[in-house]
Amino acid sequence: MCAIALVAILTLAVLRVTSNDSSKQTTTLDTDSWVYSMVDNAGRVGEDSSIAIDSNDKVHMSYLNYTSYDLKYATNVDGAWANYTLDSTGIVGQTSSIAVDSNNKLHISYSDGSNWNLKYATNAEGAWADYTVASTGLGCFYTSIAVDSNNKVHISYYESVTSSLKYATNAEGSWDISSLDSCDGRTSITTDSGNHIHISYLAYAGAALKYATNTSGSWATYTLDESTGCIGMYSSIAADSDDHIHICYYDYMNANLKYVTNAEGSWTAYTLDSTGDVGQYSSIAVDSYDHVHISYWDFTNFQLKYAYDTEAIPEFGTAGAIVLIAVTMCIIVGLRRKLPSTKTE
């Protein structure tokens, strides 16, 4: 929970996950090519952030203004950074998620903390507009958004009062909402090349990482990793060009970063990083070469870490290696805050 993060040089370590040799080699990480920008410093801003890049390589971010409990949006589409308040009605903007469609229009899902509803903001018609998608008042949190090839929107979220995994879409025109399974926290959604939906989430009571998909035509749920303790927190999901699924997540009992994929056919889980307490707040992406990239938090050292798959990258000379990069951050750490019942203007 911070408004400003300063990044410094630390170390890079290579872990051969496909070999019986789990030794690590370290070298210095050169960050001279990184550029750091102040995007918004008006009050306490930047929590619950989400980022997307359009086809022109312009950056778009949604985030919370904690000072006034508003949904904010920042972009460099015109060159310099500019930020805007998109919704200031009540306590809004928590757990936002942003996506870009094929027309470079923006779509943002987020929580309405005043009414415990799910909201959605978009500029698809030109000007920004916001809508209430779910008005049950049952607590709509941990939203995640994806846009398919037809520019239809898909949102997964956690309904806290009923402990349910919910799914909302406008694929048929109007918004349709389904209950898919019991759930106990963060959700993550993605689409594949056939516009099928894939969702990772924490099982109720936190004992398993679960996965829901409609690839067969109807919804099915699967347990991908389970434990007698808590496993599957902070999951993030992505699909590659062959529609294989990749999920990173946190193993609370062992304090490890884990990763599960069906890239080889069946689901296989791996422990990627077990040095200290690592793996919270993880996020995953797959690049155009189907290499996997994961960001996550090192709680032991208060560091942002980054892991990526170097398979078929010649300069590393190690097929199937996972590279772990630790980057020191100047951060203020705190527990998830309890939202006030009223907003102070």
Protein backbone atom coordinates (compact mmCIF):
# COMPACT_ATOMS: atom_id res chain seq x y z
CA MET A 1 0.00 0.00 0.00
CA CYS A 2 2.06 2.93 -1.26
CA ALA A 3 1.86 5.99 -3.44
CA ILE A 4 5.54 6.01 -4.47
CA ALA A 5 7.84 3.06 -5.19
CA LEU A 6 11.58 3.49 -5.77
CA VAL A 7 13.31 0.63 -7.58
CA ALA A 8 16.97 -0.28 -7.06
CA ILE A 9 19.42 -2.92 -8.32
CA LEU A 10 19.47 -6.25 -6.56
CA THR A 11 20.15 -9.77 -7.87
CA LEU A 12 19.02 -12.25 -10.48
CA ALA A 13 18.95 -15.98 -9.85
CA VAL A 14 18.43 -18.85 -12.29
CA LEU A 15 16.55 -21.92 -11.07
CA ARG A 16 16.46 -24.99 -13.34
CA VAL A 17 12.98 -26.36 -12.65
CA THR A 18 13.19 -29.07 -15.32
CA SER A 19 16.36 -30.56 -13.88
CA ASN A 20 17.16 -32.53 -10.73
CA ASP A 21 19.80 -29.89 -10.06
CA SER A 22 18.00 -27.11 -8.16
CA SER A 23 21.12 -25.02 -7.51
CA LYS A 24 20.94 -21.30 -8.10
CA GLN A 25 23.39 -19.05 -9.90
CA THR A 26 23.38 -15.32 -9.19
CA THR A 27 24.50 -12.30 -11.12
CA THR A 28 23.91 -8.55 -10.95
CA LEU A 29 20.76 -7.21 -12.58
CA ASP A 30 21.37 -4.10 -14.67
CA THR A 31 18.35 -1.80 -14.41
CA ASP A 32 19.88 1.12 -16.35
CA SER A 33 17.38 0.59 -19.16
CA TRP A 34 14.36 0.92 -16.85
CA VAL A 35 12.47 4.21 -16.82
CA TYR A 36 10.42 5.21 -13.78
CA SER A 37 7.63 7.78 -13.97
CA MET A 38 5.44 9.56 -11.48
CA VAL A 39 1.93 8.94 -12.76
CA ASP A 40 -0.19 10.41 -9.96
CA ASN A 41 0.78 11.78 -6.54
CA ALA A 42 -2.38 13.72 -5.64
CA GLY A 43 -3.13 12.21 -2.23
CA ARG A 44 -2.91 8.52 -1.37
CA VAL A 45 -3.34 6.93 -4.77
CA GLY A 46 -2.31 3.78 -6.62
CA GLU A 47 -3.77 0.93 -4.57
CA ASP A 48 -5.78 -1.83 -6.28
CA SER A 49 -4.10 -0.92 -9.58
CA SER A 50 -4.46 -2.76 -12.87
CA ILE A 51 -2.62 -2.17 -16.15
CA ALA A 52 -3.25 -2.82 -19.85
CA ILE A 53 -1.46 -1.92 -23.09
CA ASP A 54 -3.25 -1.10 -26.34
CA SER A 55 -2.26 -1.96 -29.92
CA ASN A 56 -0.29 1.29 -30.17
CA ASP A 57 1.74 0.34 -27.07
CA LYS A 58 0.06 3.05 -25.01
CA VAL A 59 -0.45 2.30 -21.33
CA HIS A 60 -3.72 2.43 -19.41
CA MET A 61 -4.12 2.02 -15.63
CA SER A 62 -7.07 1.86 -13.28
CA TYR A 63 -6.55 2.40 -9.56
CA LEU A 64 -8.05 3.59 -6.29
CA ASN A 65 -7.82 7.08 -4.87
CA TYR A 66 -7.78 6.01 -1.23
CA THR A 67 -7.98 9.61 -0.01
CA SER A 68 -11.43 10.19 -1.52
CA TYR A 69 -12.44 6.60 -2.36
CA ASP A 70 -12.80 7.26 -6.09
CA LEU A 71 -12.01 5.21 -9.19
CA LYS A 72 -9.15 6.78 -11.13
CA TYR A 73 -7.66 6.16 -14.58
CA ALA A 74 -4.27 7.16 -15.98
CA THR A 75 -2.87 6.96 -19.49
CA ASN A 76 -0.01 8.20 -21.65
CA VAL A 77 -2.03 7.92 -24.87
CA ASP A 78 -1.28 11.58 -25.74
CA GLY A 79 2.40 11.32 -24.78
CA ALA A 80 2.51 12.73 -21.26
CA TRP A 81 0.82 11.05 -18.33
CA ALA A 82 -2.70 12.25 -17.58
CA ASN A 83 -5.08 11.00 -14.91
CA TYR A 84 -8.81 11.26 -14.49
CA THR A 85 -11.46 10.50 -11.89
CA LEU A 86 -14.00 8.17 -13.53
CA ASP A 87 -16.37 7.52 -10.64
CA SER A 88 -16.70 9.44 -7.38
CA THR A 89 -20.21 8.38 -6.33
CA GLY A 90 -19.86 6.94 -2.85
CA ILE A 91 -16.99 4.60 -1.92
CA VAL A 92 -15.89 3.15 -5.26
CA GLY A 93 -12.80 1.91 -7.09
CA GLN A 94 -11.68 -1.02 -4.96
CA THR A 95 -10.25 -4.17 -6.63
CA SER A 96 -10.36 -2.68 -10.13
CA SER A 97 -9.34 -4.55 -13.26
CA ILE A 98 -8.77 -3.05 -16.73
CA ALA A 99 -8.80 -4.48 -20.27
CA VAL A 100 -8.43 -3.10 -23.80
CA ASP A 101 -10.57 -4.24 -26.73
CA SER A 102 -9.64 -4.53 -30.42
CA ASN A 103 -10.68 -0.90 -30.99
CA ASN A 104 -8.40 0.29 -28.16
CA LYS A 105 -11.43 1.10 -26.03
CA LEU A 106 -11.12 0.60 -22.27
CA HIS A 107 -13.18 -1.57 -19.94
CA ILE A 108 -12.86 -1.46 -16.13
CA SER A 109 -14.57 -3.58 -13.50
CA TYR A 110 -14.52 -2.47 -9.86
CA SER A 111 -16.30 -2.63 -6.52
CA ASP A 112 -18.91 -0.25 -5.19
CA GLY A 113 -18.05 -0.27 -1.49
CA SER A 114 -21.01 1.88 -0.50
CA ASN A 115 -23.64 -0.48 -1.87
CA TRP A 116 -21.57 -3.69 -2.11
CA ASN A 117 -22.30 -3.90 -5.82
CA LEU A 118 -20.29 -4.63 -8.98
CA LYS A 119 -19.65 -1.66 -11.28
CA TYR A 120 -18.23 -1.29 -14.77
CA ALA A 121 -16.81 1.75 -16.58
CA THR A 122 -16.02 2.07 -20.28
CA ASN A 123 -15.36 4.57 -23.06
CA ALA A 124 -16.54 2.14 -25.75
CA GLU A 125 -19.14 4.64 -26.98
CA GLY A 126 -16.75 7.60 -26.85
CA ALA A 127 -17.23 9.36 -23.50
CA TRP A 128 -16.62 7.54 -20.23
CA ALA A 129 -19.72 6.06 -18.61
CA ASP A 130 -20.17 3.83 -15.57
CA TYR A 131 -22.82 1.20 -14.91
CA THR A 132 -23.95 -1.02 -12.07
CA VAL A 133 -23.70 -4.61 -13.31
CA ALA A 134 -24.72 -6.46 -10.14
CA SER A 135 -26.96 -4.66 -7.63
CA THR A 136 -27.48 -7.49 -5.13
CA GLY A 137 -25.71 -5.69 -2.29
CA LEU A 138 -24.05 -8.97 -1.37
CA GLY A 139 -20.45 -7.77 -1.64
CA CYS A 140 -18.81 -7.80 -5.08
CA PHE A 141 -15.05 -7.84 -4.63
CA TYR A 142 -11.82 -9.11 -6.24
CA THR A 143 -13.06 -8.32 -9.74
CA SER A 144 -11.19 -9.45 -12.84
CA ILE A 145 -12.06 -8.46 -16.42
CA ALA A 146 -11.36 -9.83 -19.90
CA VAL A 147 -12.54 -8.84 -23.39
CA ASP A 148 -12.97 -11.46 -26.12
CA SER A 149 -12.31 -11.15 -29.87
CA ASN A 150 -15.88 -9.88 -30.38
CA ASN A 151 -15.24 -7.09 -27.83
CA LYS A 152 -17.65 -8.68 -25.40
CA VAL A 153 -16.85 -8.26 -21.72
CA HIS A 154 -16.39 -11.01 -19.14
CA ILE A 155 -16.02 -10.34 -15.41
CA SER A 156 -15.33 -12.73 -12.54
CA TYR A 157 -15.73 -11.65 -8.93
CA TYR A 158 -16.17 -12.82 -5.36
CA GLU A 159 -19.58 -12.35 -3.72
CA SER A 160 -18.56 -12.15 -0.10
CA VAL A 161 -21.93 -12.58 1.66
CA THR A 162 -22.66 -15.86 -0.14
CA SER A 163 -18.99 -16.93 -0.54
CA SER A 164 -19.63 -17.44 -4.24
CA LEU A 165 -17.63 -17.26 -7.47
CA LYS A 166 -19.70 -15.08 -9.79
CA TYR A 167 -19.40 -14.49 -13.52
CA ALA A 168 -20.93 -11.58 -15.45
CA THR A 169 -20.94 -11.05 -19.21
CA ASN A 170 -22.64 -8.95 -21.87
CA ALA A 171 -21.88 -11.50 -24.60
CA GLU A 172 -25.56 -11.72 -25.53
CA GLY A 173 -26.18 -7.99 -25.27
CA SER A 174 -27.55 -7.40 -21.78
CA TRP A 175 -25.64 -8.35 -18.65
CA ASP A 176 -26.06 -11.93 -17.50
CA ILE A 177 -24.76 -13.12 -14.12
CA SER A 178 -24.09 -16.72 -13.07
CA SER A 179 -23.00 -18.40 -9.85
CA LEU A 180 -20.30 -20.94 -10.70
CA ASP A 181 -19.01 -22.33 -7.40
CA SER A 182 -18.25 -21.54 -3.78
CA CYS A 183 -15.25 -19.24 -3.41
CA ASP A 184 -13.19 -17.56 -0.73
CA GLY A 185 -11.43 -14.60 -2.27
CA ARG A 186 -9.47 -13.39 -5.29
CA THR A 187 -10.52 -14.42 -8.81
CA SER A 188 -8.74 -14.10 -12.15
CA ILE A 189 -10.22 -14.42 -15.65
CA THR A 190 -8.95 -14.83 -19.20
CA THR A 191 -10.29 -15.80 -22.63
CA ASP A 192 -8.73 -18.07 -25.25
CA SER A 193 -8.68 -17.91 -29.05
CA GLY A 194 -12.13 -19.54 -29.21
CA ASN A 195 -13.59 -16.99 -26.75
CA HIS A 196 -13.92 -19.65 -24.08
CA ILE A 197 -13.64 -18.44 -20.49
CA HIS A 198 -11.08 -19.57 -17.92
CA ILE A 199 -11.19 -18.53 -14.25
CA SER A 200 -8.83 -19.33 -11.37
CA TYR A 201 -9.95 -18.83 -7.78
CA LEU A 202 -9.50 -19.83 -4.16
CA ALA A 203 -11.77 -22.62 -2.96
CA TYR A 204 -14.12 -21.98 -0.06
CA ALA A 205 -12.22 -22.28 3.25
CA GLY A 206 -8.98 -21.78 1.27
CA ALA A 207 -7.91 -25.41 1.00
CA ALA A 208 -7.43 -25.56 -2.78
CA LEU A 209 -6.69 -23.75 -6.01
CA LYS A 210 -9.68 -24.19 -8.29
CA TYR A 211 -10.35 -23.57 -11.97
CA ALA A 212 -13.60 -23.02 -13.88
CA THR A 213 -14.07 -23.09 -17.65
CA ASN A 214 -16.79 -23.35 -20.28
CA THR A 215 -14.60 -24.86 -23.00
CA SER A 216 -16.96 -27.86 -23.33
CA GLY A 217 -19.98 -25.61 -23.84
CA SER A 218 -21.13 -25.71 -20.22
CA TRP A 219 -19.36 -24.69 -17.03
CA ALA A 220 -17.13 -27.19 -15.24
CA THR A 221 -14.94 -26.71 -12.17
CA TYR A 222 -11.73 -28.51 -11.25
CA THR A 223 -9.41 -28.70 -8.25
CA LEU A 224 -5.84 -28.15 -9.49
CA ASP A 225 -3.89 -28.12 -6.23
CA GLU A 226 -5.06 -28.78 -2.69
CA SER A 227 -3.64 -28.97 0.81
CA THR A 228 -4.68 -29.53 4.38
CA GLY A 229 -3.81 -25.86 4.84
CA CYS A 230 -4.42 -22.82 2.67
CA ILE A 231 -3.27 -22.97 -0.95
CA GLY A 232 -4.36 -21.06 -4.04
CA MET A 233 -4.35 -17.50 -2.72
CA TYR A 234 -3.54 -14.56 -5.05
CA SER A 235 -4.02 -16.62 -8.20
CA SER A 236 -3.59 -15.10 -11.66
CA ILE A 237 -4.41 -16.78 -14.98
CA ALA A 238 -3.31 -16.44 -18.61
CA ALA A 239 -3.73 -18.40 -21.85
CA ASP A 240 -1.00 -18.88 -24.46
CA SER A 241 -1.32 -18.98 -28.27
CA ASP A 242 -2.14 -22.70 -28.17
CA ASP A 243 -4.87 -22.09 -25.58
CA HIS A 244 -2.84 -23.76 -22.84
CA ILE A 245 -3.56 -22.31 -19.41
CA HIS A 246 -0.98 -20.94 -16.97
CA ILE A 247 -1.77 -20.03 -13.34
CA CYS A 248 0.49 -18.65 -10.61
CA TYR A 249 -0.58 -18.62 -6.94
CA TYR A 250 0.55 -18.54 -3.33
CA ASP A 251 0.99 -21.60 -1.09
CA TYR A 252 0.24 -20.13 2.32
CA MET A 253 1.24 -23.20 4.35
CA ASN A 254 4.73 -23.36 2.82
CA ALA A 255 5.02 -19.63 1.94
CA ASN A 256 5.99 -20.47 -1.65
CA LEU A 257 5.23 -19.17 -5.14
CA LYS A 258 3.59 -21.94 -7.15
CA TYR A 259 2.65 -22.38 -10.80
CA VAL A 260 0.35 -24.87 -12.53
CA THR A 261 -0.19 -25.46 -16.25
CA ASN A 262 -1.71 -27.91 -18.71
CA ALA A 263 0.82 -27.02 -21.41
CA GLU A 264 1.96 -30.65 -21.63
CA GLY A 265 -1.58 -32.04 -21.66
CA SER A 266 -2.35 -32.87 -18.05
CA TRP A 267 -2.23 -30.37 -15.20
CA THR A 268 1.16 -30.18 -13.45
CA ALA A 269 2.03 -27.97 -10.48
CA TYR A 270 5.50 -26.60 -9.70
CA THR A 271 7.07 -24.69 -6.83
CA LEU A 272 8.92 -21.81 -8.51
CA ASP A 273 10.32 -19.93 -5.54
CA SER A 274 10.68 -21.15 -1.95
CA THR A 275 13.31 -18.74 -0.62
CA GLY A 276 11.66 -17.02 2.33
CA ASP A 277 7.98 -16.07 2.32
CA VAL A 278 7.27 -15.43 -1.36
CA GLY A 279 4.34 -15.50 -3.77
CA GLN A 280 1.73 -13.08 -2.46
CA TYR A 281 0.07 -10.60 -4.87
CA SER A 282 1.22 -12.62 -7.88
CA SER A 283 0.32 -11.74 -11.46
CA ILE A 284 1.00 -13.68 -14.67
CA ALA A 285 1.33 -12.85 -18.37
CA VAL A 286 2.30 -14.81 -21.49
CA ASP A 287 4.22 -13.07 -24.29
CA SER A 288 4.03 -13.57 -28.07
CA TYR A 289 6.60 -16.38 -27.84
CA ASP A 290 4.49 -18.16 -25.17
CA HIS A 291 7.06 -17.41 -22.47
CA VAL A 292 5.56 -17.03 -19.02
CA HIS A 293 6.21 -13.94 -16.86
CA ILE A 294 5.23 -13.67 -13.18
CA SER A 295 5.45 -10.76 -10.75
CA TYR A 296 5.02 -11.36 -7.01
CA TRP A 297 5.89 -10.09 -3.54
CA ASP A 298 8.75 -11.28 -1.35
CA PHE A 299 7.34 -10.65 2.14
CA THR A 300 10.58 -11.70 3.87
CA ASN A 301 12.66 -8.96 2.23
CA PHE A 302 9.88 -6.52 1.30
CA GLN A 303 10.79 -6.89 -2.39
CA LEU A 304 9.01 -7.06 -5.71
CA LYS A 305 10.15 -10.20 -7.54
CA TYR A 306 9.85 -11.32 -11.15
CA ALA A 307 10.08 -14.82 -12.59
CA TYR A 308 10.07 -15.75 -16.25
CA ASP A 309 10.47 -18.85 -18.39
CA THR A 310 13.64 -18.78 -20.51
CA GLU A 311 12.81 -21.84 -22.60
CA ALA A 312 13.96 -21.33 -26.20
CA ILE A 313 15.73 -18.07 -25.33
CA PRO A 314 19.27 -18.80 -26.63
CA GLU A 315 21.22 -16.25 -24.59
CA PHE A 316 20.38 -18.05 -21.35
CA GLY A 317 21.50 -21.46 -22.65
CA THR A 318 19.25 -23.31 -20.20
CA ALA A 319 16.09 -24.80 -21.66
CA GLY A 320 13.12 -24.64 -19.35
CA ALA A 321 14.81 -22.47 -16.74
CA ILE A 322 12.91 -20.06 -14.51
CA VAL A 323 14.72 -16.79 -13.87
CA LEU A 324 13.97 -15.11 -10.56
CA ILE A 325 14.66 -11.39 -10.25
CA ALA A 326 14.41 -9.53 -6.96
CA VAL A 327 13.94 -5.77 -7.09
CA THR A 328 14.11 -3.71 -3.91
CA MET A 329 11.16 -1.40 -3.40
CA CYS A 330 10.58 1.48 -1.01
CA ILE A 331 7.08 0.61 0.19
CA ILE A 332 4.68 1.11 3.02
CA VAL A 333 3.23 -2.23 4.05
CA GLY A 334 -0.15 -2.54 5.74
CA LEU A 335 -3.06 -4.87 6.19
CA ARG A 336 -6.12 -4.70 3.96
CA ARG A 337 -8.05 -1.75 5.25
CA LYS A 338 -11.63 -1.83 6.38
CA LEU A 339 -13.71 0.51 4.28
CA PRO A 340 -15.60 3.24 6.12
CA SER A 341 -19.37 3.09 6.09
CA THR A 342 -19.63 6.65 4.79
CA LYS A 343 -17.47 8.78 2.53
CA THR A 344 -15.98 12.07 3.67
CA GLU A 345 -15.98 14.61 0.88
